[in-house]
Amino acid sequence: MEQNRDDLARGEIGRDLRDNIARFRRLLYSDINTDTHFRMFEMAGRDVCVVYIDGMADEKKISEFVLRAGAEAGPAQDGPVDAAYLIRRVLQIAQCETENRVKAILDGIASGMAAVLLSGCDDAVLMDIRGYPSRPVNQTTNESVVIGPQEGFVENLRTNITLLRRYVPSPGLIAESMEVGTRVSCRVCLVYLKEAADERIVSELRRRLKCIDAPSVQGIGAIQQLIEDSPWALLPQMLQTERPDRAASFLIDGQIVILAENSPYALAAPITLFHQLHTSDDSFARWQYGTLLRLIRIWGMLISIFLPGLYVSLTDYHMHLIPLSLLGSISEARANVPFPILAEILIMEFSFYLINEAGTRIPKQIGSALGIVGALILGQAAVSASIVSPILVIIVAITGLGNYAVPDYSFSLGLIICRLFVIVLGSLYGLYGICVTAFCMLMGICGMRSVGLPYVAPIAPQERHNPDILLRLPIWLQRRPMFFSKAGRMKPRAKQGGAR
């Protein structure tokens, strides 16, 4: 039965209206699917059928601009009544086109468009009259800022493209639409600034998107996993943002932005390690303040990765490096703790992120209460029961704060995994293990690429660049084009990565 349905979806529609209606009734399961509607009426002396899905298409537009327009249309005066004639003379819809492929018509109807089938014509008219409900533009939830715009992307693709065009009002802003997914398609838009983006990077991203052969693609997160360079890398090679102003800054710098239907995030590529530490506040604050905030984030990132591992290695192997008074306090605090330091710190790490994950998933009304209970009552009870030492509670709390200082959520999760490696190797080999782990992580980061470009550019390899990498220097000094733009010197490596 499914094979017969696939056969029906191939090919083109015919001239017999009844056969076409019967074909689409089977393809849309109209016998059990009550949302599909087939509205028969007469237009310009010909029998016509409008096919749409209730709730996806706007019935008011169908009534006013299709049914009423068809009723008011007289006999044809300048040629035969076909799909082109309906678009030219009758239908009062701005976005409509002729289509004769059954699969394309079926996908259009499923996405909220309406199809007009005409007797004696082997072309249909696809009208973009989507009318499904969508969330209005509101404040961002995960990328909050103190200074700067407060609006964020929504689940509607057209609204997101419009937001980008507001921030980049240039005729060179290109938005290429395509469908990904072999069974359940997802509309995707590749957005770039023609005069700034490198065409080779655009072509590579376009190739990767078209090579996606997954049955279904559930939003931006799935697209990122299917087109990134190194799927085994711990750190993300593309950046997700819910802020239109930040996505617009990427476009101006020559980067490419990918938008998808039903995803309130944009995917920016190529990126570098330093983009993960930048925020929108940096651009709207004075350069001294932006530099200070970036240094705080870098310090927080380093604390998040290395502080627990340093504590384990120093207390296990290098106690002579700890001041005597502090060493006495640590020994006294751990006198009644029955676990080794490695087990103790892993328990605390797991408990900390268990509370964090639980606070994220439970209803907001009790989320704050859970945070207070987890931070105060459970922590104090663990110390009183001699399960963990008080100094370890402080170290884990500072580590968590350092991790929260990293603005990108995916990047911060990668840092958590890196921290676990540092803790384990620090407990096994002391400072030597931490140094080896740091060296291996540095080599891995230097070997990573984002759409073929080095992940730590323009520092390695060294390239001339704007003074806006680690530090945020005055804006009047930032005149050089970005290294991955059309005017920059850095070029992507050919055929790096691809869709899987």
Protein backbone atom coordinates (compact mmCIF):
# COMPACT_ATOMS: atom_id res chain seq x y z
CA MET A 1 0.00 0.00 0.00
CA GLU A 2 2.84 2.37 0.88
CA GLN A 3 4.60 1.46 -2.36
CA ASN A 4 1.45 2.32 -4.31
CA ARG A 5 1.35 5.67 -2.55
CA ASP A 6 4.97 6.34 -3.54
CA ASP A 7 4.09 5.52 -7.13
CA LEU A 8 1.19 7.98 -7.00
CA ALA A 9 3.49 10.73 -5.72
CA ARG A 10 5.81 10.36 -8.73
CA GLY A 11 5.31 11.98 -12.08
CA GLU A 12 3.02 14.83 -13.06
CA ILE A 13 -0.67 15.60 -12.82
CA GLY A 14 -2.98 14.96 -15.77
CA ARG A 15 -5.70 16.93 -17.49
CA ASP A 16 -8.63 15.05 -15.94
CA LEU A 17 -9.74 16.92 -12.82
CA ARG A 18 -11.53 13.94 -11.26
CA ASP A 19 -8.45 11.74 -11.61
CA ASN A 20 -6.28 14.44 -10.06
CA ILE A 21 -8.67 14.86 -7.14
CA ALA A 22 -8.82 11.11 -6.55
CA ARG A 23 -5.02 10.97 -6.65
CA PHE A 24 -4.57 13.68 -4.04
CA ARG A 25 -7.33 12.23 -1.86
CA ARG A 26 -5.34 9.03 -1.61
CA LEU A 27 -2.05 10.83 -1.06
CA LEU A 28 -3.54 13.02 1.71
CA TYR A 29 -5.55 10.18 3.33
CA SER A 30 -8.71 12.26 3.09
CA ASP A 31 -10.85 9.25 4.07
CA ILE A 32 -9.45 9.37 7.62
CA ASN A 33 -7.74 12.78 7.72
CA THR A 34 -10.52 15.29 8.38
CA ASP A 35 -8.19 18.29 8.09
CA THR A 36 -7.80 18.00 4.31
CA HIS A 37 -10.36 19.95 2.28
CA PHE A 38 -11.28 19.73 -1.41
CA ARG A 39 -13.42 22.75 -2.34
CA MET A 40 -15.09 22.45 -5.75
CA PHE A 41 -16.37 25.56 -7.58
CA GLU A 42 -16.50 27.13 -11.03
CA MET A 43 -14.05 29.77 -12.26
CA ALA A 44 -14.16 31.45 -15.68
CA GLY A 45 -16.42 28.73 -17.00
CA ARG A 46 -14.19 25.83 -15.87
CA ASP A 47 -14.46 23.37 -12.96
CA VAL A 48 -11.85 24.09 -10.29
CA CYS A 49 -10.87 22.45 -7.01
CA VAL A 50 -8.91 24.09 -4.20
CA VAL A 51 -6.97 21.65 -1.99
CA TYR A 52 -5.67 22.76 1.42
CA ILE A 53 -5.21 21.61 5.01
CA ASP A 54 -7.35 23.22 7.65
CA GLY A 55 -5.32 25.23 10.18
CA MET A 56 -2.27 25.46 7.91
CA ALA A 57 -3.78 27.61 5.14
CA ASP A 58 -5.66 30.86 5.77
CA GLU A 59 -9.33 30.16 5.00
CA LYS A 60 -10.17 33.89 4.96
CA LYS A 61 -7.72 34.46 2.11
CA ILE A 62 -9.13 31.46 0.25
CA SER A 63 -12.66 32.80 0.62
CA GLU A 64 -11.84 36.39 -0.31
CA PHE A 65 -9.08 36.14 -2.90
CA VAL A 66 -9.84 32.77 -4.51
CA LEU A 67 -13.53 31.85 -4.18
CA ARG A 68 -14.91 35.38 -4.48
CA ALA A 69 -12.46 36.28 -7.21
CA GLY A 70 -13.44 33.14 -9.10
CA ALA A 71 -17.14 33.91 -8.76
CA GLU A 72 -16.62 37.43 -10.10
CA ALA A 73 -14.42 36.32 -13.01
CA GLY A 74 -16.16 36.35 -16.37
CA PRO A 75 -15.46 34.29 -19.47
CA ALA A 76 -11.91 34.36 -20.78
CA GLN A 77 -11.24 37.16 -23.24
CA ASP A 78 -7.57 36.72 -24.18
CA GLY A 79 -6.77 33.04 -24.53
CA PRO A 80 -7.57 29.65 -22.99
CA VAL A 81 -8.37 29.27 -19.33
CA ASP A 82 -5.33 27.55 -17.83
CA ALA A 83 -3.12 27.91 -14.76
CA ALA A 84 -1.23 30.86 -16.24
CA TYR A 85 -4.51 32.61 -17.02
CA LEU A 86 -5.73 32.19 -13.43
CA ILE A 87 -2.55 33.77 -12.09
CA ARG A 88 -2.69 36.60 -14.61
CA ARG A 89 -6.39 37.45 -14.53
CA VAL A 90 -8.29 35.86 -11.64
CA LEU A 91 -6.37 34.95 -8.49
CA GLN A 92 -5.56 37.92 -6.26
CA ILE A 93 -2.68 36.28 -4.41
CA ALA A 94 0.77 37.87 -4.46
CA GLN A 95 2.81 34.67 -4.21
CA CYS A 96 1.59 31.95 -6.56
CA GLU A 97 3.20 29.80 -9.22
CA THR A 98 2.39 27.01 -11.63
CA GLU A 99 3.48 23.46 -10.77
CA ASN A 100 2.82 20.07 -12.38
CA ARG A 101 4.93 17.71 -10.25
CA VAL A 102 2.78 15.73 -7.85
CA LYS A 103 5.45 15.53 -5.15
CA ALA A 104 6.05 19.30 -5.21
CA ILE A 105 2.31 20.02 -5.00
CA LEU A 106 1.91 17.54 -2.15
CA ASP A 107 4.81 19.07 -0.19
CA GLY A 108 3.37 22.55 -0.74
CA ILE A 109 -0.03 21.54 0.60
CA ALA A 110 1.56 19.87 3.63
CA SER A 111 3.52 23.05 4.41
CA GLY A 112 0.40 25.24 4.44
CA MET A 113 0.01 26.28 0.80
CA ALA A 114 -3.16 25.78 -1.24
CA ALA A 115 -3.29 24.12 -4.65
CA VAL A 116 -5.79 25.02 -7.39
CA LEU A 117 -6.53 22.11 -9.74
CA LEU A 118 -8.16 23.01 -13.05
CA SER A 119 -10.07 20.74 -15.41
CA GLY A 120 -8.45 20.26 -18.79
CA CYS A 121 -5.11 21.61 -17.56
CA ASP A 122 -2.01 19.64 -16.60
CA ASP A 123 -0.67 22.45 -14.38
CA ALA A 124 -1.79 23.41 -10.89
CA VAL A 125 -1.46 26.76 -9.12
CA LEU A 126 0.34 26.74 -5.77
CA MET A 127 -0.60 29.72 -3.59
CA ASP A 128 1.35 30.79 -0.53
CA ILE A 129 -1.47 31.61 1.86
CA ARG A 130 -0.08 30.04 5.01
CA GLY A 131 -2.10 31.02 8.04
CA TYR A 132 -0.97 28.78 10.87
CA PRO A 133 -0.52 30.40 14.31
CA SER A 134 2.96 31.51 15.34
CA ARG A 135 4.62 33.04 18.37
CA PRO A 136 5.18 36.81 18.25
CA VAL A 137 8.65 38.31 18.51
CA ASN A 138 9.61 38.48 22.18
CA GLN A 139 12.69 38.87 24.34
CA THR A 140 15.42 36.27 24.18
CA THR A 141 15.47 33.61 26.89
CA ASN A 142 19.01 32.17 26.77
CA GLU A 143 21.07 35.10 25.48
CA SER A 144 20.03 37.94 27.72
CA VAL A 145 21.88 41.25 27.47
CA VAL A 146 22.00 44.40 29.54
CA ILE A 147 22.67 46.78 26.64
CA GLY A 148 21.33 46.18 23.14
CA PRO A 149 18.21 44.95 21.30
CA GLN A 150 15.90 42.67 23.24
CA GLU A 151 14.05 40.80 20.47
CA GLY A 152 14.81 37.23 19.44
CA PHE A 153 14.08 34.79 16.65
CA VAL A 154 10.79 32.87 16.57
CA GLU A 155 9.66 29.58 15.02
CA ASN A 156 8.39 31.21 11.81
CA LEU A 157 11.01 31.20 9.04
CA ARG A 158 9.58 34.17 7.17
CA THR A 159 9.54 36.27 10.34
CA ASN A 160 13.18 35.40 11.05
CA ILE A 161 14.27 36.39 7.54
CA THR A 162 12.40 39.67 7.93
CA LEU A 163 14.18 40.34 11.23
CA LEU A 164 17.54 39.89 9.52
CA ARG A 165 16.55 42.21 6.68
CA ARG A 166 15.62 44.87 9.23
CA TYR A 167 19.11 44.74 10.73
CA VAL A 168 20.87 44.45 7.34
CA PRO A 169 18.83 46.64 4.93
CA SER A 170 20.99 45.86 1.90
CA PRO A 171 19.94 44.71 -1.59
CA GLY A 172 22.91 42.34 -1.44
CA LEU A 173 21.39 40.28 1.39
CA ILE A 174 20.66 36.93 -0.28
CA ALA A 175 18.23 34.36 1.14
CA GLU A 176 18.38 31.00 -0.67
CA SER A 177 15.56 28.62 0.23
CA MET A 178 15.76 24.84 -0.08
CA GLU A 179 14.19 21.68 1.32
CA VAL A 180 16.12 19.10 3.35
CA GLY A 181 14.88 15.69 4.44
CA THR A 182 13.90 12.84 2.14
CA ARG A 183 10.65 11.80 3.88
CA VAL A 184 9.60 14.71 6.07
CA SER A 185 11.00 17.86 4.52
CA CYS A 186 12.13 20.95 6.39
CA ARG A 187 12.42 24.38 4.80
CA VAL A 188 15.91 25.83 5.22
CA CYS A 189 17.23 29.25 4.21
CA LEU A 190 20.88 30.06 3.51
CA VAL A 191 21.41 33.76 4.23
CA TYR A 192 24.55 35.73 3.33
CA LEU A 193 25.66 39.20 2.27
CA LYS A 194 26.73 39.05 -1.36
CA GLU A 195 29.40 41.74 -1.16
CA ALA A 196 30.94 40.34 2.03
CA ALA A 197 30.71 36.52 1.98
CA ASP A 198 33.30 34.37 0.25
CA GLU A 199 31.57 32.47 -2.55
CA ARG A 200 33.63 29.34 -1.90
CA ILE A 201 32.34 29.14 1.68
CA VAL A 202 28.79 29.75 0.47
CA SER A 203 29.13 27.02 -2.16
CA GLU A 204 30.53 24.57 0.39
CA LEU A 205 27.65 25.15 2.82
CA ARG A 206 25.14 24.93 -0.03
CA ARG A 207 26.68 21.61 -1.08
CA ARG A 208 26.53 20.20 2.45
CA LEU A 209 22.88 21.18 2.86
CA LYS A 210 21.89 19.63 -0.46
CA CYS A 211 23.78 16.42 0.40
CA ILE A 212 21.71 15.79 3.54
CA ASP A 213 19.95 12.46 3.01
CA ALA A 214 18.32 12.03 6.42
CA PRO A 215 14.64 10.98 6.34
CA SER A 216 13.71 13.98 8.52
CA VAL A 217 15.58 16.98 9.89
CA GLN A 218 14.29 18.37 13.18
CA GLY A 219 15.52 21.92 13.15
CA ILE A 220 18.82 23.74 13.43
CA GLY A 221 20.39 21.34 15.94
CA ALA A 222 20.03 18.39 13.55
CA ILE A 223 21.34 20.45 10.63
CA GLN A 224 24.42 21.40 12.62
CA GLN A 225 25.20 17.76 13.37
CA LEU A 226 24.73 16.75 9.73
CA ILE A 227 26.97 19.39 8.12
CA GLU A 228 29.70 20.10 10.70
CA ASP A 229 33.33 19.28 9.92
CA SER A 230 34.21 17.03 12.88
CA PRO A 231 31.27 15.19 14.48
CA TRP A 232 33.57 13.58 17.07
CA ALA A 233 34.92 16.91 18.36
CA LEU A 234 33.81 18.01 21.84
CA LEU A 235 33.45 21.68 20.93
CA PRO A 236 30.87 22.97 18.42
CA GLN A 237 32.21 24.16 15.07
CA MET A 238 29.13 26.30 14.38
CA LEU A 239 27.36 28.77 16.60
CA GLN A 240 23.67 28.86 17.44
CA THR A 241 22.16 32.21 18.37
CA GLU A 242 18.63 33.39 19.05
CA ARG A 243 19.52 37.07 18.57
CA PRO A 244 18.87 38.73 15.18
CA ASP A 245 21.37 41.52 15.94
CA ARG A 246 24.14 39.02 16.54
CA ALA A 247 23.27 37.06 13.40
CA ALA A 248 23.30 40.35 11.46
CA SER A 249 26.80 41.13 12.76
CA PHE A 250 27.94 37.73 11.46
CA LEU A 251 26.50 38.53 8.02
CA ILE A 252 28.29 41.89 7.89
CA ASP A 253 31.56 40.17 8.81
CA GLY A 254 31.22 37.80 5.85
CA GLN A 255 29.85 34.77 7.68
CA ILE A 256 26.84 32.73 6.57
CA VAL A 257 23.65 32.23 8.58
CA ILE A 258 21.34 29.22 8.24
CA LEU A 259 17.68 29.47 9.27
CA ALA A 260 15.15 26.63 9.45
CA GLU A 261 11.39 26.43 9.82
CA ASN A 262 10.19 25.81 13.39
CA SER A 263 13.60 26.74 14.87
CA PRO A 264 13.94 29.94 16.93
CA TYR A 265 17.71 29.86 16.41
CA ALA A 266 20.10 30.80 13.64
CA LEU A 267 23.21 28.77 12.80
CA ALA A 268 26.30 30.84 11.97
CA ALA A 269 29.37 29.52 10.14
CA PRO A 270 32.30 29.62 9.86
CA ILE A 271 33.23 30.56 13.39
CA THR A 272 36.33 30.51 15.57
CA LEU A 273 37.02 29.68 19.20
CA PHE A 274 36.88 33.38 20.03
CA HIS A 275 33.30 33.79 18.76
CA GLN A 276 32.21 31.46 21.56
CA LEU A 277 33.33 34.07 24.12
CA HIS A 278 31.79 37.12 22.45
CA THR A 279 28.35 38.53 23.29
CA SER A 280 26.11 41.26 21.93
CA ASP A 281 26.91 43.47 24.94
CA ASP A 282 30.49 43.81 23.69
CA SER A 283 29.40 45.76 20.61
CA PHE A 284 27.10 48.16 22.47
CA ALA A 285 29.37 48.89 25.45
CA ARG A 286 32.49 51.08 25.43
CA TRP A 287 35.63 49.21 24.51
CA GLN A 288 37.06 49.31 28.04
CA TYR A 289 33.95 47.63 29.43
CA GLY A 290 33.82 45.07 26.62
CA THR A 291 37.47 44.15 27.20
CA LEU A 292 36.87 43.72 30.93
CA LEU A 293 33.88 41.45 30.36
CA ARG A 294 35.79 39.31 27.88
CA LEU A 295 38.67 38.87 30.29
CA ILE A 296 36.18 37.79 32.96
CA ARG A 297 34.70 35.20 30.58
CA ILE A 298 38.13 33.86 29.64
CA TRP A 299 39.09 33.61 33.30
CA GLY A 300 35.78 31.88 34.05
CA MET A 301 36.40 29.38 31.21
CA LEU A 302 39.88 28.53 32.52
CA ILE A 303 38.56 28.15 36.08
CA SER A 304 35.78 25.88 34.83
CA ILE A 305 38.23 23.58 33.05
CA PHE A 306 41.18 23.38 35.42
CA LEU A 307 40.20 24.34 39.01
CA PRO A 308 38.76 20.96 40.17
CA GLY A 309 41.62 19.06 38.49
CA LEU A 310 44.21 21.30 40.14
CA TYR A 311 42.60 20.75 43.52
CA VAL A 312 42.70 16.96 43.08
CA SER A 313 46.30 16.88 41.83
CA LEU A 314 47.64 19.25 44.50
CA THR A 315 45.99 17.47 47.43
CA ASP A 316 46.98 14.00 46.16
CA TYR A 317 50.48 14.50 44.73
CA HIS A 318 51.82 18.01 45.30
CA MET A 319 50.90 18.94 48.85
CA HIS A 320 54.25 20.75 49.20
CA LEU A 321 52.90 23.42 46.80
CA ILE A 322 50.02 24.27 49.15
CA PRO A 323 50.67 26.80 51.95
CA LEU A 324 50.96 25.04 55.31
CA SER A 325 48.05 26.83 56.92
CA LEU A 326 45.75 26.05 53.99
CA LEU A 327 46.94 22.44 53.89
CA GLY A 328 46.08 22.08 57.57
CA SER A 329 42.58 23.43 56.95
CA ILE A 330 42.04 21.03 54.05
CA SER A 331 43.28 18.04 56.06
CA GLU A 332 41.09 18.94 59.02
CA ALA A 333 38.03 19.40 56.81
CA ARG A 334 38.59 16.03 55.14
CA ALA A 335 39.39 14.11 58.30
CA ASN A 336 35.93 12.51 58.56
CA VAL A 337 35.17 12.19 54.81
CA PRO A 338 35.11 8.47 53.92
CA PHE A 339 35.68 8.89 50.16
CA PRO A 340 38.89 9.59 48.22
CA ILE A 341 39.19 13.02 46.66
CA LEU A 342 38.38 11.79 43.15
CA ALA A 343 35.13 10.14 44.25
CA GLU A 344 34.26 13.14 46.40
CA ILE A 345 34.65 15.65 43.59
CA LEU A 346 32.82 13.46 41.08
CA ILE A 347 29.90 13.15 43.51
CA MET A 348 29.77 16.91 43.89
CA GLU A 349 30.05 17.52 40.14
CA PHE A 350 27.26 15.06 39.42
CA SER A 351 25.05 16.53 42.15
CA PHE A 352 25.65 20.09 40.95
CA TYR A 353 24.62 19.38 37.37
CA LEU A 354 21.80 17.09 38.44
CA ILE A 355 20.29 20.01 40.33
CA ASN A 356 20.95 22.28 37.34
CA GLU A 357 19.27 19.89 34.90
CA ALA A 358 16.32 19.31 37.22
CA GLY A 359 15.87 23.06 37.65
CA THR A 360 15.83 23.45 33.87
CA ARG A 361 13.21 20.77 33.19
CA ILE A 362 10.69 21.27 35.99
CA PRO A 363 7.99 23.98 35.84
CA LYS A 364 9.23 27.52 36.40
CA GLN A 365 6.99 28.03 39.42
CA ILE A 366 9.07 25.62 41.51
CA GLY A 367 12.41 25.93 39.69
CA SER A 368 13.74 28.70 41.92
CA ALA A 369 12.67 26.77 45.02
CA LEU A 370 14.57 23.72 43.83
CA GLY A 371 17.71 25.82 43.27
CA ILE A 372 17.55 27.16 46.82
CA VAL A 373 16.97 23.67 48.26
CA GLY A 374 19.80 22.18 46.22
CA ALA A 375 22.29 24.93 46.95
CA LEU A 376 21.60 25.41 50.67
CA ILE A 377 19.86 22.47 52.29
CA LEU A 378 21.43 19.59 50.37
CA GLY A 379 24.90 21.15 50.39
CA GLN A 380 24.79 21.87 54.10
CA ALA A 381 23.43 18.41 54.83
CA ALA A 382 26.23 16.78 52.81
CA VAL A 383 28.86 18.74 54.74
CA SER A 384 27.26 17.98 58.10
CA ALA A 385 27.11 14.28 57.27
CA SER A 386 30.83 14.33 56.35
CA ILE A 387 30.08 13.13 52.82
CA VAL A 388 32.01 16.03 51.29
CA SER A 389 34.36 18.65 52.68
CA PRO A 390 33.34 22.33 52.89
CA ILE A 391 36.24 23.51 50.71
CA LEU A 392 35.11 21.19 47.92
CA VAL A 393 31.64 22.76 47.98
CA ILE A 394 33.30 26.14 47.44
CA ILE A 395 35.45 24.82 44.58
CA VAL A 396 32.51 23.21 42.80
CA ALA A 397 30.41 26.37 43.23
CA ILE A 398 33.19 28.57 41.77
CA THR A 399 33.64 26.07 38.93
CA GLY A 400 29.92 26.22 38.14
CA LEU A 401 29.98 30.02 38.12
CA GLY A 402 32.94 29.97 35.75
CA ASN A 403 31.04 27.62 33.45
CA TYR A 404 27.98 29.87 33.50
CA ALA A 405 30.16 32.83 32.50
CA VAL A 406 30.61 31.19 29.06
CA PRO A 407 27.88 32.73 26.88
CA ASP A 408 27.32 29.80 24.47
CA TYR A 409 25.38 26.87 25.95
CA SER A 410 26.76 24.17 23.63
CA PHE A 411 30.31 25.38 24.20
CA SER A 412 29.83 25.27 27.97
CA LEU A 413 28.67 21.63 27.76
CA GLY A 414 31.83 20.78 25.85
CA LEU A 415 33.88 22.41 28.61
CA ILE A 416 32.17 20.17 31.19
CA ILE A 417 33.38 17.05 29.36
CA CYS A 418 36.89 18.53 29.08
CA ARG A 419 36.85 19.22 32.82
CA LEU A 420 36.05 15.58 33.58
CA PHE A 421 39.13 14.48 31.61
CA VAL A 422 41.25 16.99 33.54
CA ILE A 423 39.91 15.72 36.89
CA VAL A 424 40.51 12.03 36.09
CA LEU A 425 44.02 12.51 34.67
CA GLY A 426 44.90 14.94 37.45
CA SER A 427 43.96 12.30 40.02
CA LEU A 428 46.05 9.67 38.20
CA TYR A 429 49.18 11.61 37.28
CA GLY A 430 49.06 14.92 39.16
CA LEU A 431 50.16 18.13 37.48
CA TYR A 432 51.88 16.10 34.77
CA GLY A 433 48.52 14.61 33.77
CA ILE A 434 46.91 18.05 33.72
CA CYS A 435 49.69 19.45 31.52
CA VAL A 436 49.39 16.51 29.10
CA THR A 437 45.60 16.90 28.99
CA ALA A 438 45.87 20.65 28.35
CA PHE A 439 48.42 20.01 25.59
CA CYS A 440 46.19 17.40 23.94
CA MET A 441 43.15 19.71 24.13
CA LEU A 442 45.17 22.55 22.61
CA MET A 443 46.34 20.32 19.76
CA GLY A 444 42.78 19.15 19.15
CA ILE A 445 41.45 22.71 19.07
CA CYS A 446 44.22 23.83 16.70
CA GLY A 447 43.36 20.93 14.39
CA MET A 448 39.63 21.72 14.28
CA ARG A 449 38.05 23.50 11.35
CA SER A 450 34.76 25.29 10.73
CA VAL A 451 33.64 24.92 7.11
CA GLY A 452 37.27 24.32 6.20
CA LEU A 453 38.67 27.33 8.10
CA PRO A 454 41.01 27.01 11.13
CA TYR A 455 39.16 27.07 14.44
CA VAL A 456 41.70 29.33 16.14
CA ALA A 457 42.27 31.74 13.24
CA PRO A 458 43.52 34.43 12.96
CA ILE A 459 45.90 33.55 15.82
CA ALA A 460 46.99 30.20 14.37
CA PRO A 461 47.77 30.54 11.52
CA GLN A 462 48.67 34.14 12.12
CA GLU A 463 46.71 36.58 9.94
CA ARG A 464 46.20 40.32 9.99
CA HIS A 465 42.88 41.03 11.62
CA ASN A 466 40.75 43.54 13.42
CA PRO A 467 41.63 44.14 17.09
CA ASP A 468 38.46 42.34 18.18
CA ILE A 469 39.57 38.83 19.06
CA LEU A 470 40.48 38.44 22.73
CA LEU A 471 40.27 42.13 23.57
CA ARG A 472 37.67 44.65 22.49
CA LEU A 473 39.76 47.61 21.32
CA PRO A 474 38.26 50.93 20.09
CA ILE A 475 35.81 50.60 17.25
CA TRP A 476 37.60 53.14 15.07
CA LEU A 477 40.56 50.76 14.87
CA GLN A 478 38.43 47.95 13.47
CA ARG A 479 38.66 48.72 9.78
CA ARG A 480 40.20 45.59 8.29
CA PRO A 481 37.82 43.03 6.67
CA MET A 482 37.31 39.81 8.60
CA PHE A 483 39.69 37.02 7.63
CA PHE A 484 36.90 34.71 6.37
CA SER A 485 35.16 37.36 4.22
CA LYS A 486 35.57 37.93 0.50
CA ALA A 487 38.14 40.67 1.16
CA GLY A 488 40.06 38.64 3.75
CA ARG A 489 43.11 36.50 3.10
CA MET A 490 42.06 33.25 4.77
CA LYS A 491 40.62 30.70 2.35
CA PRO A 492 38.79 27.46 3.20
CA ARG A 493 40.26 24.05 2.65
CA ALA A 494 38.52 22.30 -0.23
CA LYS A 495 35.82 19.70 0.54
CA GLN A 496 36.26 19.66 4.30
CA GLY A 497 33.55 17.71 6.12
CA GLY A 498 30.09 17.37 4.68
CA ALA A 499 26.58 16.06 5.17
CA ARG A 500 26.16 12.64 6.70
